Amino acid sequence: MWTNLNHASHWCTRDGRELRVRVTDIRADQDSGHVLAFGSISDGCLVRIHSRCLYGESLGFQDCDCKPQLDRSLDLIQAEGSGILVYLEQEGRGHGLLAKARGYGESERTGLDTFASFLSLGYSADDRQYNHAAQALVDLGLTAVQLLTNNPHKLSAVAKVGIRATVVPLRTHPRTAREREYQEAKRMYGHWIPTDRAPWAMDF
């Protein structure tokens, strides 16, 4: 995979600073995504595994914390001068944009959170898998990473392929009432939501 990354390499500018980025794609069954390696990658580098969110990242909707988490991750990678973003095409927690929109509509009608609204519509609460993302890190030769996440499932996927992960929590501040409700729903479904009073970090 390093060879593939070197074949797709260029400079990028973010917030006035240039970084070298190498890009390759990854696929597993019906799932796909891309690995973006910034700077010089080595064991212990920062890694963000991130699922696509059109609403938050492209349209600027403020009903979830997807964009703040992505922005925070890239800020940390940029400050470090290196790191990896594994960007997965997992819109709507793996169910797609239409299912996501239906889930929001169901939430408005019933008062259910977006996880429960998915279940009400016959979807699973979260259909995402991260095995291919974790395997991509193995293919890069990594044995230890600093994982930028609040999601225990991402940590488990990385640990299962034998990579030692030190968790770096992503503390973001809700911009709207809906975003705050979304974070609380994620907490109920097992995500770690760091707060100023109760920061967390754990090694696996």
N, C-alpha and C. Protein backbone atom coordinates (compact mmCIF):
# COMPACT_ATOMS: atom_id res chain seq x y z
N MET A 1 0.82 -1.21 0.00
CA MET A 1 0.00 0.00 0.00
C MET A 1 0.86 1.26 0.00
N TRP A 2 2.04 1.21 0.61
CA TRP A 2 2.91 2.39 0.58
C TRP A 2 3.20 2.80 -0.85
N THR A 3 3.38 1.80 -1.73
CA THR A 3 3.65 2.12 -3.13
C THR A 3 2.49 2.87 -3.74
N ASN A 4 1.28 2.42 -3.46
CA ASN A 4 0.09 3.10 -3.98
C ASN A 4 0.01 4.53 -3.46
N LEU A 5 0.31 4.69 -2.16
CA LEU A 5 0.25 6.03 -1.59
C LEU A 5 1.25 6.95 -2.27
N ASN A 6 2.45 6.45 -2.53
CA ASN A 6 3.46 7.27 -3.16
C ASN A 6 3.08 7.65 -4.58
N HIS A 7 2.27 6.84 -5.24
CA HIS A 7 1.84 7.13 -6.60
C HIS A 7 0.77 8.21 -6.64
N ALA A 8 0.13 8.49 -5.51
CA ALA A 8 -0.86 9.56 -5.44
C ALA A 8 -0.45 10.50 -4.32
N SER A 9 0.45 11.41 -4.66
CA SER A 9 1.05 12.28 -3.66
C SER A 9 1.08 13.71 -4.14
N HIS A 10 0.75 14.65 -3.26
CA HIS A 10 0.78 16.06 -3.65
C HIS A 10 0.80 16.93 -2.39
N TRP A 11 1.03 18.21 -2.58
CA TRP A 11 0.99 19.17 -1.49
C TRP A 11 -0.42 19.72 -1.34
N CYS A 12 -0.84 19.96 -0.13
CA CYS A 12 -2.13 20.60 0.12
C CYS A 12 -1.93 21.76 1.09
N THR A 13 -2.83 22.73 1.02
CA THR A 13 -2.74 23.91 1.89
C THR A 13 -3.99 23.98 2.76
N ARG A 14 -3.78 24.09 4.05
CA ARG A 14 -4.89 24.20 5.01
C ARG A 14 -4.52 25.24 6.04
N ASP A 15 -5.38 26.23 6.20
CA ASP A 15 -5.13 27.31 7.15
C ASP A 15 -3.75 27.94 6.95
N GLY A 16 -3.37 28.09 5.69
CA GLY A 16 -2.13 28.76 5.36
C GLY A 16 -0.88 27.92 5.50
N ARG A 17 -1.03 26.65 5.83
CA ARG A 17 0.13 25.77 6.01
C ARG A 17 0.08 24.64 5.00
N GLU A 18 1.24 24.31 4.43
CA GLU A 18 1.32 23.24 3.45
C GLU A 18 1.71 21.92 4.11
N LEU A 19 1.03 20.86 3.66
CA LEU A 19 1.35 19.51 4.10
C LEU A 19 1.40 18.59 2.89
N ARG A 20 2.29 17.62 2.94
CA ARG A 20 2.34 16.60 1.90
C ARG A 20 1.30 15.54 2.23
N VAL A 21 0.50 15.14 1.24
CA VAL A 21 -0.52 14.12 1.47
C VAL A 21 -0.39 13.03 0.43
N ARG A 22 -0.52 11.80 0.86
CA ARG A 22 -0.53 10.63 -0.01
C ARG A 22 -1.88 9.94 0.14
N VAL A 23 -2.43 9.50 -0.97
CA VAL A 23 -3.81 9.01 -0.99
C VAL A 23 -3.89 7.65 -1.66
N THR A 24 -4.70 6.77 -1.07
CA THR A 24 -5.06 5.51 -1.71
C THR A 24 -6.48 5.16 -1.31
N ASP A 25 -7.08 4.22 -2.01
CA ASP A 25 -8.44 3.81 -1.66
C ASP A 25 -8.43 2.45 -1.00
N ILE A 26 -9.50 2.17 -0.26
CA ILE A 26 -9.67 0.87 0.38
C ILE A 26 -11.09 0.39 0.12
N ARG A 27 -11.25 -0.92 0.02
CA ARG A 27 -12.57 -1.49 -0.25
C ARG A 27 -12.74 -2.78 0.54
N ALA A 28 -13.98 -3.02 0.97
CA ALA A 28 -14.33 -4.26 1.66
C ALA A 28 -15.81 -4.51 1.44
N ASP A 29 -16.12 -5.58 0.70
CA ASP A 29 -17.51 -5.89 0.37
C ASP A 29 -18.16 -4.67 -0.29
N GLN A 30 -19.22 -4.13 0.32
CA GLN A 30 -19.91 -2.98 -0.24
C GLN A 30 -19.38 -1.66 0.33
N ASP A 31 -18.39 -1.74 1.19
CA ASP A 31 -17.87 -0.55 1.87
C ASP A 31 -16.62 -0.06 1.16
N SER A 32 -16.42 1.25 1.17
CA SER A 32 -15.24 1.82 0.54
C SER A 32 -14.80 3.06 1.29
N GLY A 33 -13.63 3.54 0.95
CA GLY A 33 -13.11 4.74 1.58
C GLY A 33 -11.73 5.06 1.05
N HIS A 34 -11.07 5.99 1.71
CA HIS A 34 -9.74 6.40 1.30
C HIS A 34 -8.84 6.60 2.52
N VAL A 35 -7.57 6.34 2.32
CA VAL A 35 -6.56 6.63 3.32
C VAL A 35 -5.78 7.85 2.85
N LEU A 36 -5.72 8.87 3.71
CA LEU A 36 -4.93 10.06 3.44
C LEU A 36 -3.83 10.13 4.49
N ALA A 37 -2.59 10.01 4.04
CA ALA A 37 -1.44 10.04 4.95
C ALA A 37 -0.75 11.39 4.81
N PHE A 38 -0.73 12.14 5.90
CA PHE A 38 -0.13 13.47 5.89
C PHE A 38 1.27 13.41 6.50
N GLY A 39 2.23 14.02 5.83
CA GLY A 39 3.58 14.09 6.36
C GLY A 39 4.26 12.74 6.42
N SER A 40 5.22 12.61 7.32
CA SER A 40 5.99 11.38 7.48
C SER A 40 5.33 10.50 8.54
N ILE A 41 4.89 9.32 8.12
CA ILE A 41 4.12 8.43 8.99
C ILE A 41 5.04 7.43 9.69
N SER A 42 4.81 7.24 10.98
CA SER A 42 5.57 6.25 11.74
C SER A 42 4.72 5.76 12.90
N ASP A 43 5.20 4.73 13.60
CA ASP A 43 4.46 4.22 14.75
C ASP A 43 4.19 5.33 15.76
N GLY A 44 2.99 5.29 16.32
CA GLY A 44 2.60 6.30 17.29
C GLY A 44 1.98 7.54 16.69
N CYS A 45 1.78 7.53 15.36
CA CYS A 45 1.22 8.71 14.71
C CYS A 45 -0.27 8.86 15.04
N LEU A 46 -0.78 10.06 14.82
CA LEU A 46 -2.20 10.34 15.02
C LEU A 46 -3.02 9.70 13.90
N VAL A 47 -4.14 9.09 14.26
CA VAL A 47 -5.01 8.45 13.27
C VAL A 47 -6.46 8.81 13.57
N ARG A 48 -7.16 9.25 12.55
CA ARG A 48 -8.60 9.48 12.65
C ARG A 48 -9.31 8.58 11.66
N ILE A 49 -10.22 7.72 12.14
CA ILE A 49 -11.11 6.93 11.29
C ILE A 49 -12.44 7.66 11.29
N HIS A 50 -12.89 8.10 10.12
CA HIS A 50 -14.02 9.03 10.06
C HIS A 50 -15.02 8.59 9.00
N SER A 51 -16.30 8.67 9.34
CA SER A 51 -17.38 8.31 8.41
C SER A 51 -17.95 9.57 7.76
N ARG A 52 -18.21 9.47 6.49
CA ARG A 52 -18.73 10.59 5.70
C ARG A 52 -20.02 11.16 6.30
N CYS A 53 -20.15 12.49 6.27
CA CYS A 53 -21.38 13.16 6.71
C CYS A 53 -21.62 14.36 5.81
N LEU A 54 -22.45 14.18 4.79
CA LEU A 54 -22.74 15.25 3.85
C LEU A 54 -23.37 16.45 4.55
N TYR A 55 -24.33 16.20 5.41
CA TYR A 55 -25.05 17.28 6.07
C TYR A 55 -24.09 18.19 6.85
N GLY A 56 -23.27 17.60 7.67
CA GLY A 56 -22.40 18.39 8.53
C GLY A 56 -21.18 18.95 7.83
N GLU A 57 -20.52 18.13 7.02
CA GLU A 57 -19.24 18.50 6.45
C GLU A 57 -19.36 19.37 5.20
N SER A 58 -20.37 19.11 4.37
CA SER A 58 -20.50 19.85 3.11
C SER A 58 -21.57 20.93 3.16
N LEU A 59 -22.67 20.66 3.85
CA LEU A 59 -23.80 21.59 3.86
C LEU A 59 -23.81 22.50 5.08
N GLY A 60 -22.98 22.19 6.05
CA GLY A 60 -22.88 23.06 7.22
C GLY A 60 -24.00 22.92 8.23
N PHE A 61 -24.78 21.82 8.16
CA PHE A 61 -25.82 21.60 9.15
C PHE A 61 -25.17 21.40 10.52
N GLN A 62 -25.84 21.84 11.57
CA GLN A 62 -25.27 21.79 12.92
C GLN A 62 -26.10 20.90 13.84
N ASP A 63 -26.50 19.75 13.32
CA ASP A 63 -27.32 18.81 14.09
C ASP A 63 -26.52 17.62 14.62
N CYS A 64 -25.22 17.55 14.28
CA CYS A 64 -24.36 16.47 14.73
C CYS A 64 -22.97 17.05 14.98
N ASP A 65 -22.08 16.22 15.52
CA ASP A 65 -20.73 16.69 15.81
C ASP A 65 -19.69 16.14 14.84
N CYS A 66 -20.13 15.68 13.67
CA CYS A 66 -19.22 15.08 12.70
C CYS A 66 -18.16 16.07 12.21
N LYS A 67 -18.59 17.24 11.76
CA LYS A 67 -17.62 18.22 11.27
C LYS A 67 -16.70 18.72 12.37
N PRO A 68 -17.21 19.08 13.56
CA PRO A 68 -16.29 19.50 14.62
C PRO A 68 -15.25 18.44 14.95
N GLN A 69 -15.64 17.16 14.94
CA GLN A 69 -14.67 16.10 15.22
C GLN A 69 -13.64 16.00 14.10
N LEU A 70 -14.09 16.10 12.85
CA LEU A 70 -13.15 16.04 11.73
C LEU A 70 -12.20 17.23 11.77
N ASP A 71 -12.75 18.42 11.98
CA ASP A 71 -11.91 19.62 12.05
C ASP A 71 -10.89 19.53 13.17
N ARG A 72 -11.33 19.06 14.33
CA ARG A 72 -10.42 18.93 15.47
C ARG A 72 -9.31 17.93 15.16
N SER A 73 -9.66 16.83 14.51
CA SER A 73 -8.67 15.82 14.15
C SER A 73 -7.63 16.39 13.20
N LEU A 74 -8.09 17.10 12.18
CA LEU A 74 -7.16 17.67 11.21
C LEU A 74 -6.31 18.77 11.84
N ASP A 75 -6.88 19.52 12.77
CA ASP A 75 -6.09 20.52 13.50
C ASP A 75 -4.93 19.86 14.24
N LEU A 76 -5.22 18.75 14.91
CA LEU A 76 -4.18 18.05 15.67
C LEU A 76 -3.13 17.44 14.75
N ILE A 77 -3.58 16.85 13.64
CA ILE A 77 -2.64 16.28 12.66
C ILE A 77 -1.76 17.37 12.08
N GLN A 78 -2.37 18.50 11.75
CA GLN A 78 -1.61 19.61 11.17
C GLN A 78 -0.60 20.16 12.17
N ALA A 79 -1.00 20.29 13.42
CA ALA A 79 -0.08 20.78 14.44
C ALA A 79 1.09 19.82 14.64
N GLU A 80 0.81 18.52 14.53
CA GLU A 80 1.85 17.50 14.67
C GLU A 80 2.74 17.44 13.44
N GLY A 81 2.18 17.81 12.29
CA GLY A 81 2.93 17.75 11.04
C GLY A 81 2.80 16.43 10.32
N SER A 82 2.06 15.49 10.91
CA SER A 82 1.86 14.19 10.28
C SER A 82 0.67 13.48 10.92
N GLY A 83 0.15 12.50 10.21
CA GLY A 83 -0.98 11.72 10.72
C GLY A 83 -1.76 11.11 9.59
N ILE A 84 -2.76 10.32 9.95
CA ILE A 84 -3.54 9.59 8.95
C ILE A 84 -5.02 9.86 9.16
N LEU A 85 -5.71 10.12 8.07
CA LEU A 85 -7.17 10.18 8.05
C LEU A 85 -7.67 9.03 7.19
N VAL A 86 -8.45 8.14 7.80
CA VAL A 86 -9.13 7.09 7.04
C VAL A 86 -10.57 7.55 6.89
N TYR A 87 -10.92 7.95 5.67
CA TYR A 87 -12.24 8.54 5.42
C TYR A 87 -13.12 7.50 4.75
N LEU A 88 -14.18 7.09 5.43
CA LEU A 88 -15.02 5.98 4.98
C LEU A 88 -16.35 6.49 4.43
N GLU A 89 -16.79 5.88 3.34
CA GLU A 89 -18.07 6.26 2.72
C GLU A 89 -19.21 5.56 3.46
N GLN A 90 -19.45 6.02 4.67
CA GLN A 90 -20.44 5.38 5.55
C GLN A 90 -21.51 6.38 5.97
N GLU A 91 -22.06 7.07 5.00
CA GLU A 91 -23.10 8.06 5.27
C GLU A 91 -24.26 7.43 6.04
N GLY A 92 -24.82 8.19 6.96
CA GLY A 92 -25.97 7.70 7.71
C GLY A 92 -25.67 6.46 8.53
N ARG A 93 -24.50 6.45 9.19
CA ARG A 93 -24.05 5.29 9.97
C ARG A 93 -24.13 4.00 9.17
N GLY A 94 -23.77 4.12 7.87
CA GLY A 94 -23.68 2.96 7.01
C GLY A 94 -24.93 2.64 6.23
N HIS A 95 -26.03 3.35 6.46
CA HIS A 95 -27.29 3.07 5.78
C HIS A 95 -27.55 3.98 4.58
N GLY A 96 -26.79 5.04 4.42
CA GLY A 96 -26.97 5.94 3.29
C GLY A 96 -27.71 7.21 3.65
N LEU A 97 -27.67 8.17 2.72
CA LEU A 97 -28.24 9.48 2.98
C LEU A 97 -29.76 9.44 3.09
N LEU A 98 -30.42 8.66 2.24
CA LEU A 98 -31.88 8.60 2.28
C LEU A 98 -32.36 8.04 3.62
N ALA A 99 -31.72 6.98 4.09
CA ALA A 99 -32.08 6.42 5.40
C ALA A 99 -31.82 7.44 6.51
N LYS A 100 -30.74 8.18 6.37
CA LYS A 100 -30.43 9.22 7.36
C LYS A 100 -31.54 10.27 7.40
N ALA A 101 -31.98 10.72 6.23
CA ALA A 101 -33.05 11.71 6.15
C ALA A 101 -34.34 11.16 6.74
N ARG A 102 -34.63 9.90 6.43
CA ARG A 102 -35.83 9.27 7.00
C ARG A 102 -35.73 9.20 8.52
N GLY A 103 -34.53 8.90 9.01
CA GLY A 103 -34.33 8.84 10.45
C GLY A 103 -34.57 10.17 11.13
N TYR A 104 -34.08 11.24 10.50
CA TYR A 104 -34.33 12.58 11.05
C TYR A 104 -35.83 12.88 11.07
N GLY A 105 -36.51 12.52 9.99
CA GLY A 105 -37.95 12.75 9.93
C GLY A 105 -38.70 11.97 11.00
N GLU A 106 -38.29 10.73 11.20
CA GLU A 106 -38.91 9.90 12.24
C GLU A 106 -38.66 10.50 13.62
N SER A 107 -37.46 11.03 13.83
CA SER A 107 -37.15 11.67 15.10
C SER A 107 -38.05 12.86 15.36
N GLU A 108 -38.30 13.65 14.31
CA GLU A 108 -39.17 14.82 14.47
C GLU A 108 -40.60 14.41 14.80
N ARG A 109 -41.06 13.33 14.18
CA ARG A 109 -42.44 12.89 14.39
C ARG A 109 -42.65 12.25 15.75
N THR A 110 -41.65 11.52 16.23
CA THR A 110 -41.84 10.68 17.42
C THR A 110 -41.09 11.17 18.66
N GLY A 111 -40.10 12.01 18.46
CA GLY A 111 -39.27 12.43 19.59
C GLY A 111 -38.16 11.45 19.92
N LEU A 112 -38.03 10.39 19.12
CA LEU A 112 -36.95 9.42 19.33
C LEU A 112 -35.62 10.02 18.92
N ASP A 113 -34.52 9.54 19.53
CA ASP A 113 -33.22 9.96 19.05
C ASP A 113 -32.93 9.25 17.72
N THR A 114 -31.85 9.64 17.05
CA THR A 114 -31.61 9.11 15.70
C THR A 114 -31.26 7.63 15.70
N PHE A 115 -30.71 7.13 16.79
CA PHE A 115 -30.45 5.69 16.88
C PHE A 115 -31.77 4.93 16.98
N ALA A 116 -32.63 5.37 17.89
CA ALA A 116 -33.92 4.71 18.07
C ALA A 116 -34.81 4.87 16.85
N SER A 117 -34.71 6.00 16.18
CA SER A 117 -35.54 6.21 14.98
C SER A 117 -35.12 5.25 13.87
N PHE A 118 -33.84 4.95 13.76
CA PHE A 118 -33.39 3.95 12.78
C PHE A 118 -34.02 2.59 13.09
N LEU A 119 -33.99 2.22 14.37
CA LEU A 119 -34.58 0.94 14.77
C LEU A 119 -36.07 0.92 14.47
N SER A 120 -36.75 2.03 14.71
CA SER A 120 -38.18 2.13 14.45
C SER A 120 -38.50 1.94 12.98
N LEU A 121 -37.57 2.36 12.12
CA LEU A 121 -37.77 2.25 10.67
C LEU A 121 -37.30 0.91 10.10
N GLY A 122 -36.77 0.05 10.96
CA GLY A 122 -36.33 -1.27 10.51
C GLY A 122 -34.86 -1.37 10.17
N TYR A 123 -34.11 -0.31 10.40
CA TYR A 123 -32.66 -0.35 10.20
C TYR A 123 -31.99 -0.76 11.51
N SER A 124 -30.73 -1.13 11.41
CA SER A 124 -29.94 -1.28 12.64
C SER A 124 -29.56 0.11 13.13
N ALA A 125 -29.28 0.24 14.41
CA ALA A 125 -28.92 1.55 14.96
C ALA A 125 -27.64 2.08 14.33
N ASP A 126 -26.72 1.18 14.02
CA ASP A 126 -25.43 1.57 13.42
C ASP A 126 -24.92 0.38 12.62
N ASP A 127 -24.78 0.54 11.32
CA ASP A 127 -24.39 -0.57 10.45
C ASP A 127 -22.92 -0.53 10.05
N ARG A 128 -22.16 0.35 10.66
CA ARG A 128 -20.77 0.53 10.23
C ARG A 128 -19.85 -0.56 10.77
N GLN A 129 -18.85 -0.90 9.96
CA GLN A 129 -17.77 -1.78 10.36
C GLN A 129 -16.45 -1.03 10.11
N TYR A 130 -15.44 -1.34 10.91
CA TYR A 130 -14.17 -0.63 10.78
C TYR A 130 -12.99 -1.58 10.53
N ASN A 131 -13.29 -2.85 10.22
CA ASN A 131 -12.22 -3.83 10.04
C ASN A 131 -11.30 -3.44 8.89
N HIS A 132 -11.88 -2.96 7.77
CA HIS A 132 -11.04 -2.61 6.62
C HIS A 132 -10.19 -1.38 6.91
N ALA A 133 -10.70 -0.48 7.73
CA ALA A 133 -9.91 0.69 8.12
C ALA A 133 -8.72 0.26 8.98
N ALA A 134 -8.98 -0.64 9.92
CA ALA A 134 -7.91 -1.13 10.78
C ALA A 134 -6.88 -1.91 9.97
N GLN A 135 -7.34 -2.72 9.02
CA GLN A 135 -6.41 -3.49 8.19
C GLN A 135 -5.54 -2.57 7.35
N ALA A 136 -6.08 -1.44 6.92
CA ALA A 136 -5.29 -0.48 6.16
C ALA A 136 -4.11 0.02 6.98
N LEU A 137 -4.32 0.19 8.28
CA LEU A 137 -3.23 0.64 9.15
C LEU A 137 -2.16 -0.44 9.27
N VAL A 138 -2.60 -1.70 9.32
CA VAL A 138 -1.64 -2.82 9.33
C VAL A 138 -0.85 -2.83 8.03
N ASP A 139 -1.53 -2.63 6.91
CA ASP A 139 -0.86 -2.63 5.61
C ASP A 139 0.17 -1.52 5.49
N LEU A 140 0.00 -0.47 6.26
CA LEU A 140 0.97 0.62 6.28
C LEU A 140 2.16 0.30 7.18
N GLY A 141 2.10 -0.86 7.85
CA GLY A 141 3.20 -1.27 8.70
C GLY A 141 3.15 -0.71 10.11
N LEU A 142 2.01 -0.17 10.51
CA LEU A 142 1.89 0.43 11.83
C LEU A 142 1.60 -0.63 12.89
N THR A 143 2.22 -0.50 14.04
CA THR A 143 1.96 -1.39 15.17
C THR A 143 1.43 -0.63 16.39
N ALA A 144 1.47 0.70 16.34
CA ALA A 144 0.97 1.53 17.44
C ALA A 144 0.50 2.86 16.87
N VAL A 145 -0.63 3.35 17.38
CA VAL A 145 -1.18 4.62 16.90
C VAL A 145 -1.78 5.40 18.06
N GLN A 146 -1.95 6.69 17.85
CA GLN A 146 -2.76 7.52 18.73
C GLN A 146 -4.09 7.72 18.01
N LEU A 147 -5.13 7.09 18.53
CA LEU A 147 -6.42 7.04 17.84
C LEU A 147 -7.32 8.19 18.29
N LEU A 148 -7.66 9.06 17.35
CA LEU A 148 -8.51 10.21 17.62
C LEU A 148 -9.96 9.77 17.53
N THR A 149 -10.57 9.46 18.67
CA THR A 149 -11.93 8.93 18.63
C THR A 149 -12.62 9.02 19.98
N ASN A 150 -13.94 9.02 19.93
CA ASN A 150 -14.79 8.82 21.11
C ASN A 150 -15.61 7.55 20.96
N ASN A 151 -15.30 6.75 19.94
CA ASN A 151 -16.11 5.59 19.58
C ASN A 151 -15.39 4.30 19.96
N PRO A 152 -15.91 3.53 20.91
CA PRO A 152 -15.24 2.31 21.34
C PRO A 152 -15.16 1.24 20.26
N HIS A 153 -16.06 1.28 19.28
CA HIS A 153 -16.03 0.28 18.22
C HIS A 153 -14.81 0.47 17.31
N LYS A 154 -14.40 1.70 17.12
CA LYS A 154 -13.19 1.96 16.33
C LYS A 154 -11.96 1.47 17.09
N LEU A 155 -11.94 1.70 18.38
CA LEU A 155 -10.84 1.21 19.21
C LEU A 155 -10.76 -0.31 19.16
N SER A 156 -11.90 -0.98 19.25
CA SER A 156 -11.92 -2.45 19.22
C SER A 156 -11.41 -2.98 17.89
N ALA A 157 -11.81 -2.34 16.79
CA ALA A 157 -11.38 -2.80 15.47
C ALA A 157 -9.87 -2.70 15.32
N VAL A 158 -9.30 -1.62 15.81
CA VAL A 158 -7.84 -1.44 15.73
C VAL A 158 -7.13 -2.46 16.62
N ALA A 159 -7.66 -2.68 17.81
CA ALA A 159 -7.03 -3.63 18.73
C ALA A 159 -7.07 -5.06 18.18
N LYS A 160 -8.14 -5.41 17.48
CA LYS A 160 -8.30 -6.77 16.97
C LYS A 160 -7.26 -7.14 15.92
N VAL A 161 -6.69 -6.15 15.24
CA VAL A 161 -5.67 -6.46 14.24
C VAL A 161 -4.27 -6.35 14.83
N GLY A 162 -4.19 -6.21 16.15
CA GLY A 162 -2.90 -6.25 16.83
C GLY A 162 -2.19 -4.92 16.96
N ILE A 163 -2.88 -3.83 16.67
CA ILE A 163 -2.28 -2.51 16.81
C ILE A 163 -2.57 -1.96 18.20
N ARG A 164 -1.53 -1.48 18.86
CA ARG A 164 -1.72 -0.86 20.17
C ARG A 164 -2.20 0.57 19.96
N ALA A 165 -3.32 0.90 20.56
CA ALA A 165 -3.92 2.22 20.37
C ALA A 165 -4.00 2.98 21.68
N THR A 166 -3.47 4.18 21.67
CA THR A 166 -3.68 5.12 22.76
C THR A 166 -4.77 6.09 22.31
N VAL A 167 -5.84 6.16 23.05
CA VAL A 167 -6.97 6.99 22.65
C VAL A 167 -6.69 8.46 22.95
N VAL A 168 -6.95 9.29 21.96
CA VAL A 168 -6.92 10.74 22.13
C VAL A 168 -8.36 11.23 22.00
N PRO A 169 -8.99 11.66 23.08
CA PRO A 169 -10.40 12.06 23.02
C PRO A 169 -10.58 13.33 22.21
N LEU A 170 -11.74 13.43 21.57
CA LEU A 170 -12.08 14.61 20.79
C LEU A 170 -13.16 15.38 21.54
N ARG A 171 -12.74 16.41 22.22
CA ARG A 171 -13.67 17.24 22.98
C ARG A 171 -14.19 18.36 22.08
N THR A 172 -15.48 18.36 21.81
CA THR A 172 -16.11 19.42 21.03
C THR A 172 -17.24 20.02 21.86
N HIS A 173 -17.64 21.22 21.51
CA HIS A 173 -18.69 21.90 22.25
C HIS A 173 -19.93 22.03 21.37
N PRO A 174 -21.07 21.49 21.80
CA PRO A 174 -22.29 21.55 20.98
C PRO A 174 -22.64 22.98 20.60
N ARG A 175 -22.96 23.15 19.32
CA ARG A 175 -23.32 24.48 18.82
C ARG A 175 -24.82 24.73 18.86
N THR A 176 -25.60 23.67 18.93
CA THR A 176 -27.06 23.78 18.92
C THR A 176 -27.65 22.78 19.90
N ALA A 177 -28.93 22.96 20.20
CA ALA A 177 -29.63 22.02 21.09
C ALA A 177 -29.68 20.64 20.45
N ARG A 178 -29.88 20.58 19.14
CA ARG A 178 -29.94 19.28 18.46
C ARG A 178 -28.60 18.56 18.54
N GLU A 179 -27.53 19.31 18.38
CA GLU A 179 -26.21 18.68 18.47
C GLU A 179 -25.96 18.14 19.88
N ARG A 180 -26.41 18.88 20.88
CA ARG A 180 -26.26 18.42 22.26
C ARG A 180 -27.07 17.15 22.49
N GLU A 181 -28.28 17.10 21.97
CA GLU A 181 -29.12 15.90 22.09
C GLU A 181 -28.47 14.72 21.37
N TYR A 182 -27.85 15.00 20.23
CA TYR A 182 -27.19 13.93 19.48
C TYR A 182 -26.02 13.35 20.28
N GLN A 183 -25.24 14.21 20.91
CA GLN A 183 -24.13 13.72 21.72
C GLN A 183 -24.64 12.87 22.89
N GLU A 184 -25.71 13.29 23.50
CA GLU A 184 -26.27 12.52 24.61
C GLU A 184 -26.79 11.17 24.14
N ALA A 185 -27.36 11.13 22.93
CA ALA A 185 -27.82 9.86 22.37
C ALA A 185 -26.64 8.93 22.12
N LYS A 186 -25.54 9.49 21.63
CA LYS A 186 -24.35 8.67 21.40
C LYS A 186 -23.81 8.13 22.73
N ARG A 187 -23.87 8.93 23.75
CA ARG A 187 -23.44 8.46 25.07
C ARG A 187 -24.27 7.26 25.51
N MET A 188 -25.58 7.33 25.29
CA MET A 188 -26.47 6.23 25.66
C MET A 188 -26.16 4.96 24.89
N TYR A 189 -25.63 5.12 23.68
CA TYR A 189 -25.32 3.95 22.85
C TYR A 189 -23.85 3.57 22.93
N GLY A 190 -23.18 4.00 24.00
CA GLY A 190 -21.86 3.49 24.31
C GLY A 190 -20.68 4.34 23.91
N HIS A 191 -20.92 5.47 23.24
CA HIS A 191 -19.80 6.34 22.89
C HIS A 191 -19.32 7.08 24.14
N TRP A 192 -18.03 7.41 24.15
CA TRP A 192 -17.47 8.20 25.24
C TRP A 192 -17.54 9.67 24.83
N ILE A 193 -18.22 10.46 25.60
CA ILE A 193 -18.33 11.88 25.30
C ILE A 193 -17.53 12.64 26.35
N PRO A 194 -16.33 13.10 26.01
CA PRO A 194 -15.51 13.79 27.00
C PRO A 194 -16.10 15.14 27.38
N THR A 195 -15.98 15.48 28.62
CA THR A 195 -16.43 16.79 29.10
C THR A 195 -15.29 17.43 29.88
N ASP A 196 -15.41 18.72 30.13
CA ASP A 196 -14.38 19.41 30.91
C ASP A 196 -14.28 18.84 32.32
N ARG A 197 -15.39 18.35 32.87
CA ARG A 197 -15.39 17.81 34.22
C ARG A 197 -14.91 16.37 34.27
N ALA A 198 -15.11 15.65 33.19
CA ALA A 198 -14.77 14.22 33.20
C ALA A 198 -14.04 13.83 31.92
N PRO A 199 -12.83 14.35 31.72
CA PRO A 199 -12.07 13.94 30.54
C PRO A 199 -11.69 12.47 30.66
N TRP A 200 -11.52 11.80 29.55
CA TRP A 200 -11.16 10.39 29.61
C TRP A 200 -10.08 10.12 28.58
N ALA A 201 -9.39 9.08 28.80
CA ALA A 201 -8.43 8.55 27.83
C ALA A 201 -8.10 7.15 28.31
N MET A 202 -7.91 6.25 27.38
CA MET A 202 -7.60 4.89 27.78
C MET A 202 -6.70 4.24 26.74
N ASP A 203 -5.86 3.34 27.21
CA ASP A 203 -5.02 2.57 26.30
C ASP A 203 -5.65 1.21 26.10
N PHE A 204 -5.40 0.63 24.94
CA PHE A 204 -5.92 -0.71 24.67
C PHE A 204 -4.79 -1.54 24.08
